[in-house]
Amino acid sequence: MVCHRRAGKTVAAVNECVIRGLYTPKKDARYAYVAPYRQQAKEVAWLYLKEAARPFIKSEKDIRESELRVRLINGSWITLYGSDNPDALRGIYLDGVILDEFGDCRPNLWSEVVLPTLSDREGWALMIGTPRGKNAFFQAVELAKRDPEWYQMILKASVSGILPEKELAQMRALMSEDQYAQELECSFDAAVLGTYYASLIAKMEQDGHMQKRG
């Protein structure tokens, strides 16, 4: 799920995880929210998770602050992790996982760490983020376009209607063309900050002055 900045993707994903945790027929279900860093997961998602889960817990003891974990009334657990400590995910099983800002996570996180945790339980995965060049997130989106078992969605600010036009106009005035295209219009082709020639190359390709080989 490719979303523009401030689209509410983390809130939506966390709420979806709580709903799935509540209605799963599986016993002792386990779910994970993974951000590039554990501290980032705490700052970005922990408050949202507690708010979403609180109506569906037996007592406040089911909210484990030190572990960044909540236990729902039916026994399902939802835990926050960071890709900076992949070993915390090894050897466990998961029934579902959210990979937030997946492009900023460790490149081997999905194939070597997360995928095996889902295998025997036939778990689901939701990868969300904003483009940051043609990295692992871009590759996952391209795979989803080809594989019927995957679904991909791109939510641009010009289409979602979430941010007011006034705010978009202000951001467009303050940001470079590439920054706006990447952050608000979900472009993987926009120049990543610090790559000077990306816009020039894209323009040359568009004008037919460059040809791809291979």
N, C-alpha and C. Protein backbone atom coordinates (compact mmCIF):
# COMPACT_ATOMS: atom_id res chain seq x y z
N MET A 1 0.85 -1.17 0.00
CA MET A 1 0.00 0.00 0.00
C MET A 1 0.89 1.23 0.00
N VAL A 2 0.92 1.93 -1.12
CA VAL A 2 1.76 3.12 -1.27
C VAL A 2 0.89 4.34 -0.98
N CYS A 3 1.25 5.10 0.03
CA CYS A 3 0.41 6.22 0.46
C CYS A 3 1.23 7.50 0.58
N HIS A 4 0.56 8.61 0.34
CA HIS A 4 1.22 9.91 0.51
C HIS A 4 1.39 10.21 2.00
N ARG A 5 2.22 11.18 2.30
CA ARG A 5 2.44 11.58 3.68
C ARG A 5 1.14 12.06 4.32
N ARG A 6 0.99 11.74 5.60
CA ARG A 6 -0.16 12.15 6.40
C ARG A 6 -1.48 11.58 5.87
N ALA A 7 -1.39 10.43 5.25
CA ALA A 7 -2.61 9.79 4.73
C ALA A 7 -3.32 8.97 5.80
N GLY A 8 -2.66 8.75 6.92
CA GLY A 8 -3.25 7.95 7.99
C GLY A 8 -3.04 6.46 7.83
N LYS A 9 -1.99 6.09 7.09
CA LYS A 9 -1.77 4.68 6.80
C LYS A 9 -1.44 3.86 8.05
N THR A 10 -0.67 4.43 8.96
CA THR A 10 -0.31 3.69 10.17
C THR A 10 -1.53 3.45 11.05
N VAL A 11 -2.34 4.47 11.23
CA VAL A 11 -3.57 4.33 12.03
C VAL A 11 -4.48 3.26 11.43
N ALA A 12 -4.66 3.34 10.12
CA ALA A 12 -5.53 2.38 9.44
C ALA A 12 -5.00 0.96 9.57
N ALA A 13 -3.68 0.80 9.41
CA ALA A 13 -3.08 -0.53 9.48
C ALA A 13 -3.18 -1.12 10.88
N VAL A 14 -2.92 -0.31 11.90
CA VAL A 14 -3.01 -0.78 13.28
C VAL A 14 -4.44 -1.19 13.62
N ASN A 15 -5.40 -0.39 13.22
CA ASN A 15 -6.81 -0.73 13.47
C ASN A 15 -7.21 -2.01 12.76
N GLU A 16 -6.72 -2.19 11.54
CA GLU A 16 -7.01 -3.41 10.79
C GLU A 16 -6.43 -4.63 11.51
N CYS A 17 -5.25 -4.46 12.07
CA CYS A 17 -4.61 -5.56 12.79
C CYS A 17 -5.41 -5.94 14.03
N VAL A 18 -5.93 -4.96 14.75
CA VAL A 18 -6.75 -5.23 15.93
C VAL A 18 -8.03 -5.96 15.53
N ILE A 19 -8.66 -5.51 14.46
CA ILE A 19 -9.89 -6.16 13.99
C ILE A 19 -9.63 -7.61 13.60
N ARG A 20 -8.55 -7.84 12.85
CA ARG A 20 -8.23 -9.21 12.45
C ARG A 20 -7.89 -10.07 13.66
N GLY A 21 -7.21 -9.47 14.63
CA GLY A 21 -6.88 -10.20 15.85
C GLY A 21 -8.11 -10.60 16.64
N LEU A 22 -9.13 -9.77 16.61
CA LEU A 22 -10.36 -10.05 17.33
C LEU A 22 -11.20 -11.14 16.67
N TYR A 23 -11.22 -11.13 15.36
CA TYR A 23 -12.13 -12.02 14.63
C TYR A 23 -11.46 -13.28 14.08
N THR A 24 -10.18 -13.45 14.36
CA THR A 24 -9.51 -14.65 13.85
C THR A 24 -10.06 -15.91 14.52
N PRO A 25 -10.21 -17.00 13.77
CA PRO A 25 -10.62 -18.26 14.37
C PRO A 25 -9.45 -19.02 14.98
N LYS A 26 -8.23 -18.52 14.76
CA LYS A 26 -7.04 -19.21 15.23
C LYS A 26 -6.84 -19.00 16.73
N LYS A 27 -6.33 -20.04 17.37
CA LYS A 27 -6.02 -19.97 18.79
C LYS A 27 -4.63 -19.39 18.99
N ASP A 28 -4.47 -18.57 20.02
CA ASP A 28 -3.18 -17.96 20.34
C ASP A 28 -2.56 -17.26 19.13
N ALA A 29 -3.36 -16.48 18.45
CA ALA A 29 -2.88 -15.77 17.26
C ALA A 29 -1.85 -14.71 17.65
N ARG A 30 -0.89 -14.51 16.76
CA ARG A 30 0.18 -13.55 17.00
C ARG A 30 0.30 -12.62 15.79
N TYR A 31 0.39 -11.33 16.07
CA TYR A 31 0.52 -10.33 15.01
C TYR A 31 1.66 -9.39 15.36
N ALA A 32 2.24 -8.79 14.32
CA ALA A 32 3.37 -7.90 14.54
C ALA A 32 3.24 -6.64 13.69
N TYR A 33 3.66 -5.55 14.28
CA TYR A 33 3.84 -4.29 13.55
C TYR A 33 5.33 -4.03 13.56
N VAL A 34 5.92 -3.87 12.38
CA VAL A 34 7.37 -3.69 12.28
C VAL A 34 7.68 -2.37 11.59
N ALA A 35 8.47 -1.55 12.24
CA ALA A 35 8.97 -0.30 11.66
C ALA A 35 10.48 -0.46 11.44
N PRO A 36 11.11 0.45 10.74
CA PRO A 36 12.56 0.33 10.54
C PRO A 36 13.33 0.23 11.87
N TYR A 37 12.87 0.95 12.89
CA TYR A 37 13.52 0.91 14.21
C TYR A 37 12.46 0.71 15.30
N ARG A 38 12.83 0.01 16.35
CA ARG A 38 11.88 -0.26 17.43
C ARG A 38 11.42 1.04 18.09
N GLN A 39 12.34 1.97 18.30
CA GLN A 39 11.97 3.24 18.90
C GLN A 39 10.99 3.99 18.00
N GLN A 40 11.21 3.88 16.71
CA GLN A 40 10.29 4.49 15.75
C GLN A 40 8.91 3.85 15.84
N ALA A 41 8.87 2.53 15.98
CA ALA A 41 7.59 1.83 16.13
C ALA A 41 6.86 2.33 17.36
N LYS A 42 7.60 2.53 18.44
CA LYS A 42 6.99 3.01 19.68
C LYS A 42 6.42 4.41 19.50
N GLU A 43 7.20 5.29 18.88
CA GLU A 43 6.77 6.68 18.72
C GLU A 43 5.63 6.82 17.73
N VAL A 44 5.63 6.00 16.69
CA VAL A 44 4.65 6.14 15.62
C VAL A 44 3.36 5.38 15.88
N ALA A 45 3.47 4.17 16.42
CA ALA A 45 2.30 3.28 16.45
C ALA A 45 1.80 2.86 17.83
N TRP A 46 2.61 3.00 18.86
CA TRP A 46 2.23 2.45 20.16
C TRP A 46 0.96 3.09 20.72
N LEU A 47 0.87 4.40 20.66
CA LEU A 47 -0.32 5.08 21.17
C LEU A 47 -1.57 4.66 20.39
N TYR A 48 -1.43 4.57 19.06
CA TYR A 48 -2.57 4.14 18.23
C TYR A 48 -3.01 2.73 18.59
N LEU A 49 -2.04 1.85 18.81
CA LEU A 49 -2.37 0.47 19.14
C LEU A 49 -3.10 0.38 20.48
N LYS A 50 -2.61 1.10 21.46
CA LYS A 50 -3.26 1.06 22.78
C LYS A 50 -4.69 1.59 22.71
N GLU A 51 -4.87 2.68 21.97
CA GLU A 51 -6.21 3.26 21.85
C GLU A 51 -7.17 2.31 21.13
N ALA A 52 -6.67 1.65 20.09
CA ALA A 52 -7.53 0.74 19.33
C ALA A 52 -7.84 -0.53 20.11
N ALA A 53 -6.88 -1.01 20.89
CA ALA A 53 -7.05 -2.28 21.59
C ALA A 53 -7.75 -2.16 22.94
N ARG A 54 -7.67 -1.01 23.57
CA ARG A 54 -8.17 -0.86 24.95
C ARG A 54 -9.62 -1.32 25.16
N PRO A 55 -10.54 -1.06 24.22
CA PRO A 55 -11.92 -1.55 24.43
C PRO A 55 -12.04 -3.07 24.37
N PHE A 56 -10.97 -3.75 23.93
CA PHE A 56 -11.06 -5.19 23.69
C PHE A 56 -10.05 -5.99 24.51
N ILE A 57 -9.71 -5.47 25.70
CA ILE A 57 -8.80 -6.19 26.60
C ILE A 57 -9.53 -6.47 27.91
N LYS A 58 -9.02 -7.44 28.67
CA LYS A 58 -9.66 -7.78 29.95
C LYS A 58 -9.30 -6.78 31.04
N SER A 59 -8.02 -6.33 31.05
CA SER A 59 -7.58 -5.37 32.06
C SER A 59 -6.37 -4.62 31.53
N GLU A 60 -5.97 -3.57 32.25
CA GLU A 60 -4.80 -2.79 31.83
C GLU A 60 -3.52 -3.62 31.88
N LYS A 61 -3.54 -4.73 32.60
CA LYS A 61 -2.37 -5.60 32.64
C LYS A 61 -2.09 -6.22 31.28
N ASP A 62 -3.08 -6.22 30.42
CA ASP A 62 -2.89 -6.79 29.08
C ASP A 62 -2.18 -5.83 28.14
N ILE A 63 -1.88 -4.64 28.61
CA ILE A 63 -1.05 -3.70 27.85
C ILE A 63 0.33 -3.71 28.47
N ARG A 64 1.29 -4.30 27.78
CA ARG A 64 2.65 -4.47 28.30
C ARG A 64 3.54 -3.36 27.75
N GLU A 65 3.72 -2.32 28.53
CA GLU A 65 4.47 -1.15 28.08
C GLU A 65 5.92 -1.49 27.73
N SER A 66 6.58 -2.24 28.58
CA SER A 66 8.00 -2.54 28.36
C SER A 66 8.22 -3.44 27.14
N GLU A 67 7.22 -4.27 26.84
CA GLU A 67 7.33 -5.20 25.72
C GLU A 67 6.71 -4.66 24.45
N LEU A 68 6.02 -3.52 24.54
CA LEU A 68 5.28 -2.95 23.41
C LEU A 68 4.33 -4.01 22.84
N ARG A 69 3.53 -4.57 23.73
CA ARG A 69 2.66 -5.69 23.35
C ARG A 69 1.30 -5.55 24.03
N VAL A 70 0.25 -5.93 23.30
CA VAL A 70 -1.09 -5.95 23.90
C VAL A 70 -1.71 -7.32 23.68
N ARG A 71 -2.52 -7.73 24.65
CA ARG A 71 -3.24 -9.00 24.55
C ARG A 71 -4.72 -8.70 24.47
N LEU A 72 -5.35 -9.17 23.42
CA LEU A 72 -6.78 -8.93 23.23
C LEU A 72 -7.60 -9.93 24.05
N ILE A 73 -8.86 -9.66 24.16
CA ILE A 73 -9.74 -10.44 25.04
C ILE A 73 -9.84 -11.91 24.64
N ASN A 74 -9.58 -12.21 23.37
CA ASN A 74 -9.65 -13.59 22.90
C ASN A 74 -8.30 -14.30 22.92
N GLY A 75 -7.28 -13.64 23.45
CA GLY A 75 -5.97 -14.26 23.56
C GLY A 75 -4.99 -13.91 22.46
N SER A 76 -5.41 -13.16 21.47
CA SER A 76 -4.50 -12.73 20.41
C SER A 76 -3.52 -11.68 20.94
N TRP A 77 -2.28 -11.76 20.45
CA TRP A 77 -1.25 -10.80 20.85
C TRP A 77 -0.85 -9.95 19.65
N ILE A 78 -0.61 -8.67 19.90
CA ILE A 78 -0.06 -7.77 18.88
C ILE A 78 1.17 -7.11 19.48
N THR A 79 2.31 -7.22 18.79
CA THR A 79 3.58 -6.73 19.32
C THR A 79 4.26 -5.82 18.32
N LEU A 80 4.93 -4.79 18.83
CA LEU A 80 5.68 -3.86 17.99
C LEU A 80 7.15 -4.28 17.96
N TYR A 81 7.75 -4.25 16.76
CA TYR A 81 9.14 -4.61 16.57
C TYR A 81 9.84 -3.56 15.71
N GLY A 82 11.17 -3.68 15.65
CA GLY A 82 11.96 -2.86 14.75
C GLY A 82 12.85 -3.73 13.89
N SER A 83 13.03 -3.36 12.63
CA SER A 83 13.89 -4.16 11.76
C SER A 83 15.36 -4.03 12.15
N ASP A 84 15.67 -3.10 13.07
CA ASP A 84 17.04 -2.97 13.55
C ASP A 84 17.42 -4.12 14.47
N ASN A 85 16.44 -4.90 14.90
CA ASN A 85 16.71 -6.10 15.71
C ASN A 85 15.94 -7.28 15.12
N PRO A 86 16.37 -7.76 13.96
CA PRO A 86 15.64 -8.85 13.30
C PRO A 86 15.61 -10.14 14.10
N ASP A 87 16.60 -10.34 14.98
CA ASP A 87 16.64 -11.57 15.77
C ASP A 87 15.43 -11.71 16.68
N ALA A 88 14.80 -10.59 17.04
CA ALA A 88 13.61 -10.65 17.88
C ALA A 88 12.44 -11.31 17.16
N LEU A 89 12.53 -11.37 15.83
CA LEU A 89 11.46 -11.97 15.03
C LEU A 89 11.77 -13.41 14.63
N ARG A 90 12.98 -13.84 14.86
CA ARG A 90 13.36 -15.20 14.46
C ARG A 90 12.82 -16.22 15.46
N GLY A 91 12.37 -17.34 14.93
CA GLY A 91 11.93 -18.43 15.79
C GLY A 91 10.51 -18.30 16.30
N ILE A 92 9.79 -17.24 15.90
CA ILE A 92 8.40 -17.09 16.33
C ILE A 92 7.48 -17.36 15.15
N TYR A 93 6.19 -17.52 15.45
CA TYR A 93 5.21 -17.62 14.37
C TYR A 93 4.35 -16.37 14.38
N LEU A 94 3.85 -16.01 13.20
CA LEU A 94 2.96 -14.86 13.07
C LEU A 94 1.77 -15.21 12.19
N ASP A 95 0.63 -14.67 12.55
CA ASP A 95 -0.57 -14.84 11.73
C ASP A 95 -0.81 -13.63 10.84
N GLY A 96 -0.08 -12.57 11.10
CA GLY A 96 -0.18 -11.38 10.27
C GLY A 96 0.89 -10.39 10.68
N VAL A 97 1.34 -9.59 9.73
CA VAL A 97 2.40 -8.62 10.01
C VAL A 97 2.18 -7.35 9.19
N ILE A 98 2.45 -6.22 9.80
CA ILE A 98 2.45 -4.93 9.12
C ILE A 98 3.89 -4.47 9.03
N LEU A 99 4.35 -4.18 7.83
CA LEU A 99 5.70 -3.67 7.62
C LEU A 99 5.58 -2.21 7.21
N ASP A 100 5.79 -1.31 8.17
CA ASP A 100 5.60 0.12 7.94
C ASP A 100 6.90 0.75 7.44
N GLU A 101 6.76 1.66 6.49
CA GLU A 101 7.93 2.26 5.81
C GLU A 101 8.88 1.13 5.41
N PHE A 102 8.31 0.18 4.70
CA PHE A 102 9.04 -1.04 4.34
C PHE A 102 10.33 -0.74 3.58
N GLY A 103 10.32 0.31 2.77
CA GLY A 103 11.52 0.65 2.00
C GLY A 103 12.69 1.06 2.85
N ASP A 104 12.45 1.47 4.09
CA ASP A 104 13.52 1.87 4.99
C ASP A 104 13.96 0.73 5.91
N CYS A 105 13.27 -0.40 5.83
CA CYS A 105 13.65 -1.56 6.64
C CYS A 105 14.84 -2.27 6.00
N ARG A 106 15.44 -3.18 6.74
CA ARG A 106 16.58 -3.94 6.20
C ARG A 106 16.15 -4.71 4.96
N PRO A 107 16.97 -4.70 3.91
CA PRO A 107 16.59 -5.31 2.63
C PRO A 107 16.21 -6.78 2.73
N ASN A 108 16.86 -7.53 3.62
CA ASN A 108 16.59 -8.97 3.73
C ASN A 108 15.51 -9.30 4.76
N LEU A 109 14.88 -8.29 5.31
CA LEU A 109 13.91 -8.52 6.39
C LEU A 109 12.77 -9.42 5.96
N TRP A 110 12.21 -9.16 4.78
CA TRP A 110 11.05 -9.92 4.32
C TRP A 110 11.41 -11.37 4.01
N SER A 111 12.38 -11.56 3.14
CA SER A 111 12.67 -12.91 2.65
C SER A 111 13.31 -13.81 3.70
N GLU A 112 14.20 -13.27 4.51
CA GLU A 112 14.96 -14.10 5.44
C GLU A 112 14.36 -14.18 6.84
N VAL A 113 13.59 -13.17 7.22
CA VAL A 113 13.12 -13.12 8.61
C VAL A 113 11.60 -13.24 8.72
N VAL A 114 10.87 -12.36 8.04
CA VAL A 114 9.42 -12.29 8.23
C VAL A 114 8.67 -13.42 7.53
N LEU A 115 9.00 -13.67 6.28
CA LEU A 115 8.28 -14.69 5.52
C LEU A 115 8.25 -16.05 6.21
N PRO A 116 9.38 -16.53 6.76
CA PRO A 116 9.33 -17.82 7.46
C PRO A 116 8.39 -17.83 8.67
N THR A 117 8.19 -16.68 9.32
CA THR A 117 7.29 -16.65 10.48
C THR A 117 5.83 -16.82 10.09
N LEU A 118 5.51 -16.55 8.83
CA LEU A 118 4.13 -16.63 8.35
C LEU A 118 3.79 -17.97 7.71
N SER A 119 4.81 -18.72 7.33
CA SER A 119 4.63 -19.88 6.46
C SER A 119 3.66 -20.92 7.00
N ASP A 120 3.94 -21.47 8.18
CA ASP A 120 3.13 -22.59 8.66
C ASP A 120 1.73 -22.17 9.10
N ARG A 121 1.54 -20.88 9.38
CA ARG A 121 0.22 -20.39 9.81
C ARG A 121 -0.55 -19.75 8.66
N GLU A 122 0.08 -19.73 7.48
CA GLU A 122 -0.53 -19.11 6.30
C GLU A 122 -0.97 -17.68 6.63
N GLY A 123 -0.04 -16.93 7.23
CA GLY A 123 -0.35 -15.58 7.66
C GLY A 123 -0.32 -14.57 6.52
N TRP A 124 -0.80 -13.38 6.81
CA TRP A 124 -0.87 -12.31 5.82
C TRP A 124 0.18 -11.24 6.13
N ALA A 125 0.48 -10.44 5.12
CA ALA A 125 1.44 -9.35 5.28
C ALA A 125 0.90 -8.10 4.61
N LEU A 126 1.09 -6.97 5.26
CA LEU A 126 0.72 -5.67 4.70
C LEU A 126 1.94 -4.78 4.72
N MET A 127 2.41 -4.42 3.53
CA MET A 127 3.56 -3.53 3.41
C MET A 127 3.06 -2.13 3.08
N ILE A 128 3.43 -1.16 3.89
CA ILE A 128 2.96 0.20 3.67
C ILE A 128 4.15 1.16 3.70
N GLY A 129 3.97 2.29 3.04
CA GLY A 129 5.04 3.28 3.05
C GLY A 129 4.87 4.34 1.98
N THR A 130 5.83 5.23 1.96
CA THR A 130 5.92 6.28 0.95
C THR A 130 7.18 6.02 0.14
N PRO A 131 7.15 6.24 -1.18
CA PRO A 131 8.31 5.95 -2.02
C PRO A 131 9.60 6.61 -1.53
N ARG A 132 10.69 5.89 -1.72
CA ARG A 132 12.01 6.40 -1.39
C ARG A 132 13.00 5.85 -2.42
N GLY A 133 12.66 6.05 -3.69
CA GLY A 133 13.49 5.49 -4.74
C GLY A 133 13.10 4.04 -5.03
N LYS A 134 13.83 3.43 -5.94
CA LYS A 134 13.49 2.06 -6.36
C LYS A 134 14.20 1.03 -5.48
N ASN A 135 13.69 0.93 -4.26
CA ASN A 135 14.27 0.03 -3.28
C ASN A 135 13.41 -1.23 -3.13
N ALA A 136 13.51 -1.90 -1.98
CA ALA A 136 12.75 -3.14 -1.76
C ALA A 136 11.25 -2.90 -1.79
N PHE A 137 10.81 -1.74 -1.37
CA PHE A 137 9.38 -1.42 -1.40
C PHE A 137 8.89 -1.33 -2.84
N PHE A 138 9.67 -0.68 -3.68
CA PHE A 138 9.33 -0.59 -5.11
C PHE A 138 9.25 -1.98 -5.72
N GLN A 139 10.21 -2.84 -5.39
CA GLN A 139 10.22 -4.20 -5.93
C GLN A 139 8.99 -4.98 -5.47
N ALA A 140 8.57 -4.76 -4.23
CA ALA A 140 7.37 -5.44 -3.72
C ALA A 140 6.12 -4.97 -4.46
N VAL A 141 6.05 -3.68 -4.75
CA VAL A 141 4.90 -3.14 -5.49
C VAL A 141 4.86 -3.71 -6.90
N GLU A 142 6.02 -3.79 -7.55
CA GLU A 142 6.09 -4.36 -8.89
C GLU A 142 5.68 -5.83 -8.89
N LEU A 143 6.10 -6.56 -7.86
CA LEU A 143 5.71 -7.97 -7.73
C LEU A 143 4.20 -8.10 -7.59
N ALA A 144 3.62 -7.21 -6.79
CA ALA A 144 2.17 -7.26 -6.56
C ALA A 144 1.39 -7.00 -7.84
N LYS A 145 1.95 -6.24 -8.75
CA LYS A 145 1.29 -5.97 -10.02
C LYS A 145 1.21 -7.23 -10.89
N ARG A 146 2.19 -8.13 -10.71
CA ARG A 146 2.27 -9.33 -11.54
C ARG A 146 1.64 -10.56 -10.90
N ASP A 147 1.64 -10.59 -9.58
CA ASP A 147 1.20 -11.79 -8.85
C ASP A 147 -0.26 -11.63 -8.42
N PRO A 148 -1.16 -12.49 -8.89
CA PRO A 148 -2.58 -12.37 -8.53
C PRO A 148 -2.86 -12.62 -7.05
N GLU A 149 -1.92 -13.20 -6.33
CA GLU A 149 -2.13 -13.44 -4.91
C GLU A 149 -1.83 -12.19 -4.07
N TRP A 150 -1.27 -11.17 -4.72
CA TRP A 150 -0.97 -9.92 -4.04
C TRP A 150 -1.90 -8.83 -4.54
N TYR A 151 -2.09 -7.82 -3.71
CA TYR A 151 -2.89 -6.66 -4.09
C TYR A 151 -2.07 -5.41 -3.81
N GLN A 152 -2.08 -4.47 -4.74
CA GLN A 152 -1.34 -3.24 -4.53
C GLN A 152 -2.25 -2.03 -4.74
N MET A 153 -2.05 -1.02 -3.92
CA MET A 153 -2.84 0.20 -4.00
C MET A 153 -1.92 1.40 -3.87
N ILE A 154 -2.14 2.41 -4.69
CA ILE A 154 -1.37 3.65 -4.62
C ILE A 154 -2.34 4.79 -4.33
N LEU A 155 -2.11 5.49 -3.24
CA LEU A 155 -3.00 6.56 -2.80
C LEU A 155 -2.25 7.89 -2.87
N LYS A 156 -2.55 8.67 -3.90
CA LYS A 156 -1.92 9.97 -4.10
C LYS A 156 -2.71 11.07 -3.40
N ALA A 157 -2.02 12.12 -2.99
CA ALA A 157 -2.68 13.22 -2.30
C ALA A 157 -3.68 13.93 -3.20
N SER A 158 -3.41 13.94 -4.49
CA SER A 158 -4.30 14.60 -5.44
C SER A 158 -5.60 13.83 -5.63
N VAL A 159 -5.63 12.59 -5.17
CA VAL A 159 -6.80 11.73 -5.35
C VAL A 159 -7.52 11.46 -4.03
N SER A 160 -6.77 11.33 -2.95
CA SER A 160 -7.37 10.89 -1.68
C SER A 160 -8.34 11.90 -1.08
N GLY A 161 -8.05 13.18 -1.23
CA GLY A 161 -8.90 14.20 -0.62
C GLY A 161 -8.69 14.34 0.87
N ILE A 162 -7.67 13.69 1.42
CA ILE A 162 -7.43 13.73 2.86
C ILE A 162 -6.85 15.08 3.29
N LEU A 163 -5.91 15.59 2.52
CA LEU A 163 -5.29 16.87 2.84
C LEU A 163 -5.98 18.00 2.08
N PRO A 164 -6.29 19.11 2.73
CA PRO A 164 -6.95 20.23 2.05
C PRO A 164 -6.09 20.80 0.92
N GLU A 165 -6.74 21.31 -0.10
CA GLU A 165 -6.03 21.88 -1.24
C GLU A 165 -5.09 23.00 -0.81
N LYS A 166 -5.50 23.75 0.19
CA LYS A 166 -4.67 24.85 0.68
C LYS A 166 -3.35 24.33 1.23
N GLU A 167 -3.40 23.22 1.97
CA GLU A 167 -2.20 22.62 2.53
C GLU A 167 -1.31 22.05 1.42
N LEU A 168 -1.92 21.43 0.44
CA LEU A 168 -1.15 20.88 -0.68
C LEU A 168 -0.45 21.99 -1.44
N ALA A 169 -1.14 23.09 -1.66
CA ALA A 169 -0.54 24.22 -2.37
C ALA A 169 0.64 24.79 -1.60
N GLN A 170 0.51 24.85 -0.30
CA GLN A 170 1.59 25.37 0.53
C GLN A 170 2.80 24.44 0.48
N MET A 171 2.56 23.14 0.56
CA MET A 171 3.66 22.18 0.49
C MET A 171 4.32 22.19 -0.88
N ARG A 172 3.53 22.34 -1.92
CA ARG A 172 4.10 22.40 -3.27
C ARG A 172 5.02 23.61 -3.41
N ALA A 173 4.64 24.72 -2.77
CA ALA A 173 5.44 25.94 -2.85
C ALA A 173 6.76 25.81 -2.08
N LEU A 174 6.74 25.02 -1.01
CA LEU A 174 7.92 24.89 -0.15
C LEU A 174 8.84 23.75 -0.55
N MET A 175 8.31 22.76 -1.24
CA MET A 175 9.09 21.58 -1.59
C MET A 175 9.57 21.64 -3.03
N SER A 176 10.65 20.92 -3.30
CA SER A 176 11.09 20.81 -4.69
C SER A 176 10.10 19.95 -5.46
N GLU A 177 10.19 19.99 -6.77
CA GLU A 177 9.28 19.19 -7.61
C GLU A 177 9.43 17.71 -7.31
N ASP A 178 10.67 17.27 -7.14
CA ASP A 178 10.91 15.85 -6.86
C ASP A 178 10.40 15.46 -5.48
N GLN A 179 10.62 16.32 -4.50
CA GLN A 179 10.13 16.03 -3.15
C GLN A 179 8.61 15.90 -3.13
N TYR A 180 7.95 16.81 -3.79
CA TYR A 180 6.48 16.78 -3.81
C TYR A 180 5.98 15.53 -4.54
N ALA A 181 6.61 15.21 -5.66
CA ALA A 181 6.21 14.03 -6.43
C ALA A 181 6.37 12.76 -5.61
N GLN A 182 7.45 12.70 -4.84
CA GLN A 182 7.72 11.51 -4.04
C GLN A 182 6.82 11.43 -2.81
N GLU A 183 6.76 12.50 -2.04
CA GLU A 183 6.07 12.49 -0.76
C GLU A 183 4.56 12.58 -0.87
N LEU A 184 4.06 13.32 -1.87
CA LEU A 184 2.62 13.54 -1.97
C LEU A 184 1.96 12.82 -3.13
N GLU A 185 2.73 12.57 -4.21
CA GLU A 185 2.15 11.92 -5.38
C GLU A 185 2.66 10.50 -5.59
N CYS A 186 3.37 9.99 -4.59
CA CYS A 186 3.77 8.57 -4.55
C CYS A 186 4.58 8.13 -5.77
N SER A 187 5.50 8.96 -6.20
CA SER A 187 6.32 8.64 -7.37
C SER A 187 7.61 7.95 -6.95
N PHE A 188 7.82 6.75 -7.49
CA PHE A 188 9.09 6.06 -7.28
C PHE A 188 10.17 6.58 -8.22
N ASP A 189 9.77 7.35 -9.22
CA ASP A 189 10.72 7.87 -10.20
C ASP A 189 11.30 9.22 -9.80
N ALA A 190 10.74 9.84 -8.77
CA ALA A 190 11.26 11.14 -8.33
C ALA A 190 12.65 10.97 -7.75
N ALA A 191 13.42 12.03 -7.86
CA ALA A 191 14.79 11.99 -7.35
C ALA A 191 14.79 11.90 -5.84
N VAL A 192 15.51 10.93 -5.31
CA VAL A 192 15.69 10.85 -3.87
C VAL A 192 16.60 11.98 -3.47
N LEU A 193 16.30 12.64 -2.35
CA LEU A 193 17.07 13.79 -1.92
C LEU A 193 18.56 13.46 -1.89
N GLY A 194 19.34 14.25 -2.62
CA GLY A 194 20.78 14.04 -2.67
C GLY A 194 21.25 13.44 -3.98
N THR A 195 20.34 12.99 -4.84
CA THR A 195 20.74 12.46 -6.14
C THR A 195 20.45 13.53 -7.19
N TYR A 196 21.46 14.26 -7.56
CA TYR A 196 21.33 15.47 -8.37
C TYR A 196 20.79 15.21 -9.76
N TYR A 197 21.20 14.09 -10.38
CA TYR A 197 20.90 13.89 -11.79
C TYR A 197 19.60 13.14 -12.06
N ALA A 198 18.90 12.71 -11.05
CA ALA A 198 17.72 11.88 -11.28
C ALA A 198 16.66 12.57 -12.13
N SER A 199 16.38 13.83 -11.83
CA SER A 199 15.37 14.56 -12.61
C SER A 199 15.79 14.71 -14.06
N LEU A 200 17.07 15.00 -14.27
CA LEU A 200 17.59 15.18 -15.63
C LEU A 200 17.47 13.89 -16.42
N ILE A 201 17.83 12.77 -15.80
CA ILE A 201 17.74 11.48 -16.47
C ILE A 201 16.30 11.13 -16.81
N ALA A 202 15.39 11.37 -15.86
CA ALA A 202 13.98 11.10 -16.11
C ALA A 202 13.45 11.92 -17.27
N LYS A 203 13.88 13.18 -17.34
CA LYS A 203 13.44 14.06 -18.43
C LYS A 203 13.98 13.57 -19.77
N MET A 204 15.24 13.13 -19.80
CA MET A 204 15.85 12.63 -21.02
C MET A 204 15.15 11.36 -21.49
N GLU A 205 14.78 10.49 -20.55
CA GLU A 205 14.06 9.27 -20.91
C GLU A 205 12.69 9.61 -21.48
N GLN A 206 12.03 10.57 -20.86
CA GLN A 206 10.70 10.98 -21.31
C GLN A 206 10.75 11.57 -22.72
N ASP A 207 11.81 12.31 -23.01
CA ASP A 207 11.96 12.94 -24.32
C ASP A 207 12.54 12.01 -25.37
N GLY A 208 12.86 10.78 -24.96
CA GLY A 208 13.37 9.81 -25.91
C GLY A 208 14.84 9.93 -26.23
N HIS A 209 15.59 10.64 -25.37
CA HIS A 209 17.02 10.81 -25.61
C HIS A 209 17.86 9.70 -24.99
N MET A 210 17.21 8.81 -24.26
CA MET A 210 17.91 7.68 -23.66
C MET A 210 17.14 6.41 -23.97
N GLN A 211 17.86 5.34 -24.21
CA GLN A 211 17.24 4.06 -24.49
C GLN A 211 17.76 3.02 -23.50
N LYS A 212 16.83 2.19 -23.03
CA LYS A 212 17.21 1.12 -22.10
C LYS A 212 17.73 -0.08 -22.88
N ARG A 213 18.75 -0.71 -22.36
CA ARG A 213 19.32 -1.90 -23.00
C ARG A 213 19.14 -3.10 -22.09
N GLY A 214 19.13 -4.24 -22.74
CA GLY A 214 19.02 -5.48 -21.97
C GLY A 214 17.61 -5.98 -21.90
